[in-house]
Amino acid sequence: MNKKGIVFMAMGFELGGMIFGALFLGRLIDNTYDLNGIGTLIIIFLVMGGWFYHLYILLRRFMEDDEASEIEDSKHLH
C-alpha cells in the first residue's frame, strides 16, 4: 500500500477517535453546566470543523506533491 493510502486510512481512525473524545468532553460539559446536549453539539461541530480543515491542508499538500512529481517526470522524459 502506498503512503497516501495509509495516511487516508489513518485519518478514518483519527476521525473516530476525535468524535469519541468530543462526545466524552461534550457530555462532561453538559453534565457540569446542565446544558441538555448543547455542549456536546458545539464540541462536535468544533471538532468536525477542525478535522475538515486538517483534511483540506492534507489534500492541498498531496496535490502540490503530485504537481511537483509530474513536472519532475516531464523533465526526465525530455
C-alpha atoms as a PDB file:
ATOM      1  CA  MET A   1       0.000   0.000   0.000  1.00  0.00           C
ATOM      2  CA  ASN A   2       1.324   3.434  -0.850  1.00  0.00           C
ATOM      3  CA  LYS A   3       1.939   6.242   1.603  1.00  0.00           C
ATOM      4  CA  LYS A   4      -1.145   8.239   0.613  1.00  0.00           C
ATOM      5  CA  GLY A   5      -3.447   5.274   1.147  1.00  0.00           C
ATOM      6  CA  ILE A   6      -2.097   4.678   4.626  1.00  0.00           C
ATOM      7  CA  VAL A   7      -2.482   8.357   5.521  1.00  0.00           C
ATOM      8  CA  PHE A   8      -6.131   8.434   4.476  1.00  0.00           C
ATOM      9  CA  MET A   9      -6.864   5.145   6.223  1.00  0.00           C
ATOM     10  CA  ALA A  10      -5.339   6.540   9.406  1.00  0.00           C
ATOM     11  CA  MET A  11      -7.498   9.640   9.055  1.00  0.00           C
ATOM     12  CA  GLY A  12     -10.589   7.450   9.397  1.00  0.00           C
ATOM     13  CA  PHE A  13      -9.362   6.167  12.745  1.00  0.00           C
ATOM     14  CA  GLU A  14      -8.408   9.710  13.701  1.00  0.00           C
ATOM     15  CA  LEU A  15     -11.924  10.949  12.953  1.00  0.00           C
ATOM     16  CA  GLY A  16     -13.464   8.154  15.008  1.00  0.00           C
ATOM     17  CA  GLY A  17     -11.229   8.947  17.960  1.00  0.00           C
ATOM     18  CA  MET A  18     -11.955  12.646  17.708  1.00  0.00           C
ATOM     19  CA  ILE A  19     -15.719  12.072  17.671  1.00  0.00           C
ATOM     20  CA  PHE A  20     -15.481   9.716  20.632  1.00  0.00           C
ATOM     21  CA  GLY A  21     -13.411  12.289  22.537  1.00  0.00           C
ATOM     22  CA  ALA A  22     -15.811  15.083  21.580  1.00  0.00           C
ATOM     23  CA  LEU A  23     -18.770  13.053  22.831  1.00  0.00           C
ATOM     24  CA  PHE A  24     -16.999  12.378  26.128  1.00  0.00           C
ATOM     25  CA  LEU A  25     -15.980  16.015  26.589  1.00  0.00           C
ATOM     26  CA  GLY A  26     -19.375  17.300  25.471  1.00  0.00           C
ATOM     27  CA  ARG A  27     -21.233  15.078  27.937  1.00  0.00           C
ATOM     28  CA  LEU A  28     -18.878  16.217  30.693  1.00  0.00           C
ATOM     29  CA  ILE A  29     -19.587  19.864  29.854  1.00  0.00           C
ATOM     30  CA  ASP A  30     -23.327  19.199  29.562  1.00  0.00           C
ATOM     31  CA  ASN A  31     -23.470  17.492  32.958  1.00  0.00           C
ATOM     32  CA  THR A  32     -21.340  20.172  34.619  1.00  0.00           C
ATOM     33  CA  TYR A  33     -23.281  23.174  33.296  1.00  0.00           C
ATOM     34  CA  ASP A  34     -26.689  21.475  32.749  1.00  0.00           C
ATOM     35  CA  LEU A  35     -26.805  22.338  29.025  1.00  0.00           C
ATOM     36  CA  ASN A  36     -29.068  19.486  27.829  1.00  0.00           C
ATOM     37  CA  GLY A  37     -26.879  18.411  24.886  1.00  0.00           C
ATOM     38  CA  ILE A  38     -25.889  21.858  23.592  1.00  0.00           C
ATOM     39  CA  GLY A  39     -22.314  21.461  24.839  1.00  0.00           C
ATOM     40  CA  THR A  40     -21.941  18.143  23.027  1.00  0.00           C
ATOM     41  CA  LEU A  41     -23.331  19.627  19.831  1.00  0.00           C
ATOM     42  CA  ILE A  42     -20.954  22.599  19.953  1.00  0.00           C
ATOM     43  CA  ILE A  43     -17.905  20.431  20.702  1.00  0.00           C
ATOM     44  CA  ILE A  44     -18.743  18.019  17.857  1.00  0.00           C
ATOM     45  CA  PHE A  45     -19.126  20.899  15.379  1.00  0.00           C
ATOM     46  CA  LEU A  46     -15.808  22.380  16.508  1.00  0.00           C
ATOM     47  CA  VAL A  47     -14.063  19.024  16.168  1.00  0.00           C
ATOM     48  CA  MET A  48     -15.569  18.387  12.735  1.00  0.00           C
ATOM     49  CA  GLY A  49     -14.569  21.878  11.569  1.00  0.00           C
ATOM     50  CA  GLY A  50     -11.002  21.296  12.723  1.00  0.00           C
ATOM     51  CA  TRP A  51     -10.919  17.886  11.062  1.00  0.00           C
ATOM     52  CA  PHE A  52     -12.205  19.245   7.737  1.00  0.00           C
ATOM     53  CA  TYR A  53      -9.576  21.995   7.870  1.00  0.00           C
ATOM     54  CA  HIS A  54      -6.924  19.336   8.514  1.00  0.00           C
ATOM     55  CA  LEU A  55      -8.273  17.334   5.554  1.00  0.00           C
ATOM     56  CA  TYR A  56      -8.129  20.428   3.326  1.00  0.00           C
ATOM     57  CA  ILE A  57      -4.499  21.112   4.272  1.00  0.00           C
ATOM     58  CA  LEU A  58      -3.567  17.466   3.688  1.00  0.00           C
ATOM     59  CA  LEU A  59      -5.264  17.319   0.293  1.00  0.00           C
ATOM     60  CA  ARG A  60      -3.588  20.559  -0.762  1.00  0.00           C
ATOM     61  CA  ARG A  61      -0.199  19.160   0.230  1.00  0.00           C
ATOM     62  CA  PHE A  62      -0.803  15.957  -1.749  1.00  0.00           C
ATOM     63  CA  MET A  63      -1.878  17.956  -4.807  1.00  0.00           C
ATOM     64  CA  GLU A  64       1.285  20.054  -4.622  1.00  0.00           C
ATOM     65  CA  ASP A  65       3.393  16.896  -4.334  1.00  0.00           C
ATOM     66  CA  ASP A  66       1.634  15.371  -7.358  1.00  0.00           C
ATOM     67  CA  GLU A  67       2.229  18.507  -9.435  1.00  0.00           C
ATOM     68  CA  ALA A  68       5.893  18.559  -8.448  1.00  0.00           C
ATOM     69  CA  SER A  69       6.331  14.893  -9.352  1.00  0.00           C
ATOM     70  CA  GLU A  70       4.619  15.433 -12.729  1.00  0.00           C
ATOM     71  CA  ILE A  71       6.985  18.299 -13.510  1.00  0.00           C
ATOM     72  CA  GLU A  72       9.960  16.172 -12.430  1.00  0.00           C
ATOM     73  CA  ASP A  73       8.770  13.281 -14.619  1.00  0.00           C
ATOM     74  CA  SER A  74       8.336  15.515 -17.632  1.00  0.00           C
ATOM     75  CA  LYS A  75      11.903  16.816 -17.235  1.00  0.00           C
ATOM     76  CA  HIS A  76      13.269  13.276 -17.297  1.00  0.00           C
ATOM     77  CA  LEU A  77      11.335  12.409 -20.458  1.00  0.00           C
ATOM     78  CA  HIS A  78      12.913  15.218 -22.490  1.00  0.00           C
END
